[in-house]
Amino acid sequence: MALIRTRCRKLLSLLALVPLVAASALAAAQSGVPSNVSVPDPAALTADWWLYFTSAGDALEERVDALQAQLDVLAASLTEVGDREDRLRGLIVEVGDLAERYLDASAREVPPAPPSVPAPENYSVASFLTLAGATREAVFDRDLEREDVERTARVLATSAKRIEDAKAAYLALEATAPERLERGLELMRQRFVQSINEVDLKLRRAALERATARAERLT
C-alpha cells in the first residue's frame, strides 16, 4: 500500500518545471494542507518544524503527502551541488521513506488485552507443576523485557538529546550556508527515526505492563 502511494506521488515530479517555492505551495494546497501551515523545508527549517506533523491530527496523511510532493520537487531541482548530489538524493529518498513509516507507525495502537482466565479452585499435582513452570517463564520473560525496554528508553533519551543539539547547530547556520540543505535533511531523517522508535517503545511498554500483570497473577 505504501509503495503504491509512493509511486503515485512520483507523478508530482512534473512540478519541477515550476520554481521550487511555487511548486511547494501548490503541492501543499493540492494535499489539503491549510495555507497557514508550512511544509518543512530542509533548507529553512524552523525551531518548531516538527509541529507540522505532531499537530496534524486526522490530517497527518495529507501532510505527509505534501512533504513527499515537496521532496520530489527538491530532487528535481538539484543543480550545481557537485559531489554532494548523490548524498543529497539519498537523503531525500530516505526522508520520504521514513515519512511513510512514520505515518504507518502513528496509526499503530496497543492491541486489546486478552480476556483473563479464572484460576481453578483446586489443582492436581500435574497442573500445579505446569503452573509453577509457567510462572517461572512469565517472570523470566517479564524481567528480560523490562531490562530491554529500560535500555531502549535510555538510548532514545540520548538520541533525543543529540537531535536537539543538531537542531541548535542547524539553526545557528547562516541562511545561505551551502551545508544547510544537507544538514536539514539529516535532521529530518533523525527526527523521523526517533519518532518511529518512540512509538515502538510505547507499544513495548504496554506489552510489558501486561506481562507484569500476568506474572503477578501467577505468583
Protein backbone atom coordinates (compact mmCIF):
# COMPACT_ATOMS: atom_id res chain seq x y z
CA MET A 1 0.00 0.00 0.00
CA ALA A 2 2.75 2.43 0.94
CA LEU A 3 4.61 1.52 -2.26
CA ILE A 4 1.55 2.30 -4.41
CA ARG A 5 1.09 5.61 -2.60
CA THR A 6 4.75 6.50 -3.12
CA ARG A 7 4.68 5.64 -6.82
CA CYS A 8 1.55 7.69 -7.32
CA ARG A 9 3.21 10.66 -5.72
CA LYS A 10 6.11 10.45 -8.17
CA LEU A 11 3.74 11.93 -10.75
CA LEU A 12 4.11 15.18 -8.88
CA SER A 13 7.71 15.39 -10.06
CA LEU A 14 6.34 17.25 -13.09
CA LEU A 15 6.14 20.22 -10.78
CA ALA A 16 9.89 20.54 -11.22
CA LEU A 17 9.10 22.77 -14.18
CA VAL A 18 7.74 25.30 -11.71
CA PRO A 19 10.04 27.32 -9.40
CA LEU A 20 10.64 25.43 -6.16
CA VAL A 21 8.79 27.76 -3.84
CA ALA A 22 5.71 27.99 -6.04
CA ALA A 23 5.71 24.24 -6.62
CA SER A 24 5.88 23.52 -2.91
CA ALA A 25 2.97 25.84 -2.21
CA LEU A 26 0.94 24.21 -4.98
CA ALA A 27 1.72 20.72 -3.66
CA ALA A 28 0.60 21.73 -0.19
CA ALA A 29 -2.65 23.17 -1.50
CA GLN A 30 -3.38 20.04 -3.53
CA SER A 31 -2.77 17.89 -0.47
CA GLY A 32 -5.28 19.79 1.64
CA VAL A 33 -2.74 21.47 3.92
CA PRO A 34 -4.05 24.81 5.29
CA SER A 35 -2.31 27.86 3.85
CA ASN A 36 -1.10 28.94 7.30
CA VAL A 37 0.81 25.66 7.82
CA SER A 38 4.17 25.42 6.11
CA VAL A 39 5.57 22.17 4.77
CA PRO A 40 9.01 21.76 6.39
CA ASP A 41 11.74 22.95 4.03
CA PRO A 42 15.02 21.16 4.84
CA ALA A 43 16.96 24.23 3.74
CA ALA A 44 14.94 26.54 6.00
CA LEU A 45 13.69 24.54 9.00
CA THR A 46 12.28 26.49 11.93
CA ALA A 47 12.79 25.59 15.58
CA ASP A 48 9.27 24.11 15.78
CA TRP A 49 9.17 22.43 12.36
CA TRP A 50 8.22 19.06 13.85
CA LEU A 51 4.87 20.51 15.00
CA TYR A 52 3.82 20.27 11.36
CA PHE A 53 3.40 16.54 11.97
CA THR A 54 2.55 16.32 15.67
CA SER A 55 -0.26 18.86 15.32
CA ALA A 56 -1.73 17.23 12.20
CA GLY A 57 -4.34 15.04 13.90
CA ASP A 58 -6.51 13.40 11.24
CA ALA A 59 -4.69 15.40 8.53
CA LEU A 60 -1.38 13.57 9.03
CA GLU A 61 -1.64 11.61 5.79
CA GLU A 62 -2.33 14.81 3.83
CA ARG A 63 0.67 16.50 5.42
CA VAL A 64 2.92 13.55 4.63
CA ASP A 65 1.62 13.73 1.05
CA ALA A 66 2.59 17.41 0.91
CA LEU A 67 6.07 16.65 2.23
CA GLN A 68 6.52 13.89 -0.34
CA ALA A 69 5.50 16.28 -3.12
CA GLN A 70 7.98 18.86 -1.90
CA LEU A 71 10.75 16.26 -1.71
CA ASP A 72 10.04 15.26 -5.32
CA VAL A 73 10.33 18.89 -6.38
CA LEU A 74 13.51 19.30 -4.37
CA ALA A 75 15.09 16.24 -6.00
CA ALA A 76 14.19 17.55 -9.45
CA SER A 77 15.63 20.97 -8.67
CA LEU A 78 19.10 19.85 -7.53
CA THR A 79 21.68 21.65 -9.63
CA GLU A 80 25.23 22.81 -9.09
CA VAL A 81 25.72 20.78 -5.93
CA GLY A 82 28.80 18.98 -7.21
CA ASP A 83 29.87 15.80 -5.47
CA ARG A 84 27.12 16.28 -2.85
CA GLU A 85 24.38 15.33 -5.30
CA ASP A 86 24.40 11.59 -4.56
CA ARG A 87 24.37 12.24 -0.82
CA LEU A 88 21.51 14.74 -1.11
CA ARG A 89 19.44 12.49 -3.35
CA GLY A 90 19.97 9.58 -0.99
CA LEU A 91 18.81 11.65 1.97
CA ILE A 92 15.74 12.86 0.06
CA VAL A 93 14.72 9.28 -0.69
CA GLU A 94 15.39 8.18 2.88
CA VAL A 95 13.39 11.04 4.40
CA GLY A 96 10.48 10.20 2.09
CA ASP A 97 10.58 6.53 3.06
CA LEU A 98 10.78 7.38 6.75
CA ALA A 99 7.82 9.75 6.44
CA GLU A 100 5.76 6.82 5.17
CA ARG A 101 6.96 4.63 8.02
CA TYR A 102 6.14 7.39 10.50
CA LEU A 103 2.62 7.60 9.05
CA ASP A 104 2.18 3.84 9.45
CA ALA A 105 3.65 3.90 12.96
CA SER A 106 1.32 6.70 14.03
CA ALA A 107 -1.65 4.50 13.16
CA ARG A 108 -0.48 1.63 15.36
CA GLU A 109 -2.44 1.06 18.54
CA VAL A 110 -1.94 -1.03 21.63
CA PRO A 111 -3.84 -4.29 20.97
CA PRO A 112 -6.62 -5.13 23.41
CA ALA A 113 -5.68 -7.30 26.34
CA PRO A 114 -6.72 -10.95 26.07
CA PRO A 115 -9.51 -11.97 28.45
CA SER A 116 -8.30 -13.25 31.79
CA VAL A 117 -8.94 -16.90 32.59
CA PRO A 118 -10.14 -17.56 36.15
CA ALA A 119 -7.86 -19.80 38.16
CA PRO A 120 -9.29 -23.16 39.21
CA GLU A 121 -10.03 -23.64 42.90
CA ASN A 122 -8.13 -26.91 43.06
CA TYR A 123 -5.00 -28.13 41.29
CA SER A 124 -3.78 -31.61 40.55
CA VAL A 125 -0.08 -32.24 41.06
CA ALA A 126 0.49 -32.13 37.30
CA SER A 127 -1.44 -28.87 36.99
CA PHE A 128 0.49 -27.37 39.89
CA LEU A 129 3.82 -28.26 38.28
CA THR A 130 2.66 -26.84 34.97
CA LEU A 131 1.57 -23.63 36.69
CA ALA A 132 4.89 -23.37 38.53
CA GLY A 133 6.78 -23.71 35.25
CA ALA A 134 4.55 -21.13 33.57
CA THR A 135 5.12 -18.75 36.46
CA ARG A 136 8.89 -19.04 36.25
CA GLU A 137 8.77 -18.50 32.49
CA ALA A 138 6.45 -15.49 32.81
CA VAL A 139 8.65 -13.83 35.42
CA PHE A 140 11.80 -14.55 33.40
CA ASP A 141 10.29 -13.12 30.20
CA ARG A 142 9.00 -10.07 32.07
CA ASP A 143 12.38 -9.32 33.60
CA LEU A 144 14.19 -9.69 30.28
CA GLU A 145 11.71 -7.40 28.54
CA ARG A 146 11.88 -4.85 31.34
CA GLU A 147 15.67 -4.67 31.06
CA ASP A 148 15.47 -4.29 27.30
CA VAL A 149 12.75 -1.62 27.48
CA GLU A 150 14.74 0.36 30.02
CA ARG A 151 17.87 0.07 27.89
CA THR A 152 15.97 1.22 24.80
CA ALA A 153 14.49 4.15 26.73
CA ARG A 154 17.97 5.27 27.73
CA VAL A 155 19.20 5.02 24.14
CA LEU A 156 16.25 7.08 22.90
CA ALA A 157 16.82 9.70 25.58
CA THR A 158 20.42 10.03 24.41
CA SER A 159 19.45 10.23 20.74
CA ALA A 160 16.78 12.86 21.56
CA LYS A 161 19.49 14.99 23.13
CA ARG A 162 21.69 14.56 20.04
CA ILE A 163 18.80 15.66 17.82
CA GLU A 164 18.27 18.78 19.92
CA ASP A 165 21.98 19.57 19.68
CA ALA A 166 21.91 19.02 15.91
CA LYS A 167 18.88 21.30 15.61
CA ALA A 168 20.61 24.04 17.59
CA ALA A 169 23.69 23.77 15.36
CA TYR A 170 21.49 23.86 12.25
CA LEU A 171 19.59 26.95 13.41
CA ALA A 172 22.91 28.68 14.08
CA LEU A 173 23.94 28.35 10.42
CA GLU A 174 23.73 31.33 8.11
CA ALA A 175 20.64 31.22 5.90
CA THR A 176 22.86 30.98 2.82
CA ALA A 177 25.24 28.34 4.21
CA PRO A 178 25.79 25.69 1.49
CA GLU A 179 25.58 22.83 4.00
CA ARG A 180 22.17 23.91 5.29
CA LEU A 181 20.17 21.67 2.93
CA GLU A 182 22.14 18.52 3.71
CA ARG A 183 22.09 19.12 7.46
CA GLY A 184 18.38 19.90 7.33
CA LEU A 185 17.65 16.63 5.54
CA GLU A 186 19.79 14.75 8.04
CA LEU A 187 17.94 16.41 10.91
CA MET A 188 14.60 15.37 9.42
CA ARG A 189 15.87 11.84 8.92
CA GLN A 190 16.96 11.58 12.55
CA ARG A 191 13.68 13.01 13.84
CA PHE A 192 11.56 10.55 11.88
CA VAL A 193 13.69 7.63 13.09
CA GLN A 194 13.38 8.86 16.67
CA SER A 195 9.60 9.11 16.50
CA ILE A 196 9.19 5.70 14.88
CA ASN A 197 11.31 4.17 17.65
CA GLU A 198 9.34 6.05 20.31
CA VAL A 199 6.09 4.53 19.01
CA ASP A 200 7.68 1.08 19.14
CA LEU A 201 8.84 1.72 22.71
CA LYS A 202 5.34 2.85 23.72
CA LEU A 203 3.87 -0.42 22.43
CA ARG A 204 6.57 -2.46 24.14
CA ARG A 205 5.87 -0.71 27.43
CA ALA A 206 2.20 -1.61 27.09
CA ALA A 207 3.15 -5.23 26.44
CA LEU A 208 5.46 -5.14 29.45
CA GLU A 209 2.62 -3.94 31.67
CA ARG A 210 0.59 -6.93 30.56
CA ALA A 211 3.47 -9.31 31.12
CA THR A 212 3.90 -7.87 34.62
CA ALA A 213 0.21 -8.28 35.37
CA ARG A 214 0.31 -11.88 34.10
CA ALA A 215 3.34 -12.70 36.24
CA GLU A 216 1.65 -11.20 39.28
CA ARG A 217 -1.49 -13.24 38.70
CA LEU A 218 0.55 -16.41 38.54
CA THR A 219 2.60 -15.75 41.67
